Amino acid sequence: MELPKWLEFTLFISAWLIALIRLRYAVKAYLSRGSIFGVGRRYSRVGFIANTGYAITAALLGVYFLLAYVDHNAATLFFGLGAGLLVIVAILELTFRSRDLKSG
């Protein structure tokens, strides 16, 4: 897939910003697990795992766009890793969130 260089660089920056935002949400979910005003323990654990997984996925896609920007051959490997991890995290999140909704 051949994209213009400016678009590859913009997507690289965007992916890393998304990764930082998702890590921030993961830390908030982790810290809210003991708060009386926070969400339930189980929900915060799922939120922490899901947001961390999404942050890693965004970081992998950021590496993909960086390698595509410099025309490196390993870019496809990072795209595959990012896409595979995205599917795994989405399935885990949907499974545990639906289980949480049924239990309480």
C-alpha atoms as a PDB file:
ATOM      1  CA  MET A   1       0.000   0.000   0.000  1.00  0.00           C
ATOM      2  CA  GLU A   2       1.623   3.204  -1.162  1.00  0.00           C
ATOM      3  CA  LEU A   3       0.467   6.331   0.649  1.00  0.00           C
ATOM      4  CA  PRO A   4       1.831   9.863   0.329  1.00  0.00           C
ATOM      5  CA  LYS A   5       4.696  10.572   2.726  1.00  0.00           C
ATOM      6  CA  TRP A   6       2.832  13.356   4.536  1.00  0.00           C
ATOM      7  CA  LEU A   7      -0.109  11.023   5.195  1.00  0.00           C
ATOM      8  CA  GLU A   8       2.147   8.250   6.521  1.00  0.00           C
ATOM      9  CA  PHE A   9       3.835  10.692   8.893  1.00  0.00           C
ATOM     10  CA  THR A  10       0.483  12.114  10.038  1.00  0.00           C
ATOM     11  CA  LEU A  11      -0.848   8.613  10.703  1.00  0.00           C
ATOM     12  CA  PHE A  12       2.324   7.785  12.646  1.00  0.00           C
ATOM     13  CA  ILE A  13       1.859  10.813  14.922  1.00  0.00           C
ATOM     14  CA  SER A  14      -1.873  10.089  15.303  1.00  0.00           C
ATOM     15  CA  ALA A  15      -1.290   6.451  16.244  1.00  0.00           C
ATOM     16  CA  TRP A  16       1.187   7.393  18.961  1.00  0.00           C
ATOM     17  CA  LEU A  17      -1.168  10.052  20.338  1.00  0.00           C
ATOM     18  CA  ILE A  18      -3.949   7.462  20.492  1.00  0.00           C
ATOM     19  CA  ALA A  19      -1.566   5.085  22.267  1.00  0.00           C
ATOM     20  CA  LEU A  20      -0.791   7.737  24.893  1.00  0.00           C
ATOM     21  CA  ILE A  21      -4.487   8.520  25.418  1.00  0.00           C
ATOM     22  CA  ARG A  22      -5.340   4.830  25.806  1.00  0.00           C
ATOM     23  CA  LEU A  23      -2.513   4.381  28.319  1.00  0.00           C
ATOM     24  CA  ARG A  24      -3.920   7.300  30.287  1.00  0.00           C
ATOM     25  CA  TYR A  25      -7.341   5.613  30.352  1.00  0.00           C
ATOM     26  CA  ALA A  26      -5.709   2.347  31.426  1.00  0.00           C
ATOM     27  CA  VAL A  27      -3.993   4.066  34.349  1.00  0.00           C
ATOM     28  CA  LYS A  28      -7.268   5.751  35.348  1.00  0.00           C
ATOM     29  CA  ALA A  29      -9.069   2.384  35.266  1.00  0.00           C
ATOM     30  CA  TYR A  30      -6.299   0.796  37.332  1.00  0.00           C
ATOM     31  CA  LEU A  31      -6.339   3.562  39.934  1.00  0.00           C
ATOM     32  CA  SER A  32     -10.145   3.615  40.234  1.00  0.00           C
ATOM     33  CA  ARG A  33     -10.360  -0.024  41.285  1.00  0.00           C
ATOM     34  CA  GLY A  34     -10.038   0.776  44.992  1.00  0.00           C
ATOM     35  CA  SER A  35     -12.045   3.986  45.053  1.00  0.00           C
ATOM     36  CA  ILE A  36     -15.493   4.088  46.622  1.00  0.00           C
ATOM     37  CA  PHE A  37     -16.558   6.434  43.833  1.00  0.00           C
ATOM     38  CA  GLY A  38     -14.929   4.386  41.091  1.00  0.00           C
ATOM     39  CA  VAL A  39     -16.383   1.611  39.032  1.00  0.00           C
ATOM     40  CA  GLY A  40     -16.487  -1.989  40.192  1.00  0.00           C
ATOM     41  CA  ARG A  41     -13.305  -3.975  40.635  1.00  0.00           C
ATOM     42  CA  ARG A  42     -14.021  -6.383  37.818  1.00  0.00           C
ATOM     43  CA  TYR A  43     -15.003  -3.644  35.360  1.00  0.00           C
ATOM     44  CA  SER A  44     -11.859  -1.643  36.125  1.00  0.00           C
ATOM     45  CA  ARG A  45      -9.720  -4.743  35.548  1.00  0.00           C
ATOM     46  CA  VAL A  46     -11.336  -5.316  32.142  1.00  0.00           C
ATOM     47  CA  GLY A  47     -10.929  -1.619  31.329  1.00  0.00           C
ATOM     48  CA  PHE A  48      -7.263  -1.712  32.283  1.00  0.00           C
ATOM     49  CA  ILE A  49      -6.564  -4.785  30.143  1.00  0.00           C
ATOM     50  CA  ALA A  50      -8.575  -3.499  27.179  1.00  0.00           C
ATOM     51  CA  ASN A  51      -7.079  -0.006  27.215  1.00  0.00           C
ATOM     52  CA  THR A  52      -3.554  -1.373  27.581  1.00  0.00           C
ATOM     53  CA  GLY A  53      -4.166  -3.733  24.666  1.00  0.00           C
ATOM     54  CA  TYR A  54      -5.524  -0.920  22.523  1.00  0.00           C
ATOM     55  CA  ALA A  55      -2.526   1.251  23.429  1.00  0.00           C
ATOM     56  CA  ILE A  56      -0.098  -1.484  22.373  1.00  0.00           C
ATOM     57  CA  THR A  57      -2.078  -1.970  19.150  1.00  0.00           C
ATOM     58  CA  ALA A  58      -1.909   1.751  18.377  1.00  0.00           C
ATOM     59  CA  ALA A  59       1.829   1.749  19.113  1.00  0.00           C
ATOM     60  CA  LEU A  60       2.365  -1.194  16.738  1.00  0.00           C
ATOM     61  CA  LEU A  61       0.415   0.593  14.028  1.00  0.00           C
ATOM     62  CA  GLY A  62       2.490   3.700  14.722  1.00  0.00           C
ATOM     63  CA  VAL A  63       5.656   1.665  14.148  1.00  0.00           C
ATOM     64  CA  TYR A  64       4.084   0.334  10.944  1.00  0.00           C
ATOM     65  CA  PHE A  65       3.461   3.849   9.631  1.00  0.00           C
ATOM     66  CA  LEU A  66       6.975   4.939  10.634  1.00  0.00           C
ATOM     67  CA  LEU A  67       8.530   1.987   8.797  1.00  0.00           C
ATOM     68  CA  ALA A  68       6.284   2.633   5.803  1.00  0.00           C
ATOM     69  CA  TYR A  69       7.453   6.257   5.874  1.00  0.00           C
ATOM     70  CA  VAL A  70      11.100   5.171   5.567  1.00  0.00           C
ATOM     71  CA  ASP A  71      10.224   2.380   3.079  1.00  0.00           C
ATOM     72  CA  HIS A  72      11.365  -0.497   5.285  1.00  0.00           C
ATOM     73  CA  ASN A  73      10.325  -4.048   4.383  1.00  0.00           C
ATOM     74  CA  ALA A  74       9.378  -5.026   7.959  1.00  0.00           C
ATOM     75  CA  ALA A  75       6.376  -2.666   7.935  1.00  0.00           C
ATOM     76  CA  THR A  76       4.028  -5.477   6.904  1.00  0.00           C
ATOM     77  CA  LEU A  77       5.038  -7.537   9.941  1.00  0.00           C
ATOM     78  CA  PHE A  78       4.038  -4.742  12.327  1.00  0.00           C
ATOM     79  CA  PHE A  79       0.759  -4.227  10.490  1.00  0.00           C
ATOM     80  CA  GLY A  80      -0.040  -7.923  10.911  1.00  0.00           C
ATOM     81  CA  LEU A  81       0.918  -7.866  14.592  1.00  0.00           C
ATOM     82  CA  GLY A  82      -1.209  -4.785  15.193  1.00  0.00           C
ATOM     83  CA  ALA A  83      -4.228  -6.192  13.366  1.00  0.00           C
ATOM     84  CA  GLY A  84      -3.951  -9.552  15.142  1.00  0.00           C
ATOM     85  CA  LEU A  85      -3.643  -7.939  18.556  1.00  0.00           C
ATOM     86  CA  LEU A  86      -6.614  -5.684  17.807  1.00  0.00           C
ATOM     87  CA  VAL A  87      -8.803  -8.714  17.067  1.00  0.00           C
ATOM     88  CA  ILE A  88      -7.651 -10.525  20.222  1.00  0.00           C
ATOM     89  CA  VAL A  89      -8.206  -7.499  22.486  1.00  0.00           C
ATOM     90  CA  ALA A  90     -11.635  -6.780  20.993  1.00  0.00           C
ATOM     91  CA  ILE A  91     -12.753 -10.396  21.518  1.00  0.00           C
ATOM     92  CA  LEU A  92     -11.451 -10.414  25.104  1.00  0.00           C
ATOM     93  CA  GLU A  93     -13.115  -7.109  25.894  1.00  0.00           C
ATOM     94  CA  LEU A  94     -16.470  -8.174  24.451  1.00  0.00           C
ATOM     95  CA  THR A  95     -16.339 -11.519  26.248  1.00  0.00           C
ATOM     96  CA  PHE A  96     -15.551 -10.122  29.686  1.00  0.00           C
ATOM     97  CA  ARG A  97     -17.818  -7.074  29.400  1.00  0.00           C
ATOM     98  CA  SER A  98     -20.814  -9.226  28.419  1.00  0.00           C
ATOM     99  CA  ARG A  99     -19.998 -11.573  31.300  1.00  0.00           C
ATOM    100  CA  ASP A 100     -19.902  -8.584  33.676  1.00  0.00           C
ATOM    101  CA  LEU A 101     -23.260  -7.326  32.440  1.00  0.00           C
ATOM    102  CA  LYS A 102     -24.875 -10.723  32.998  1.00  0.00           C
ATOM    103  CA  SER A 103     -23.477 -11.096  36.513  1.00  0.00           C
ATOM    104  CA  GLY A 104     -24.485  -7.764  37.855  1.00  0.00           C
END
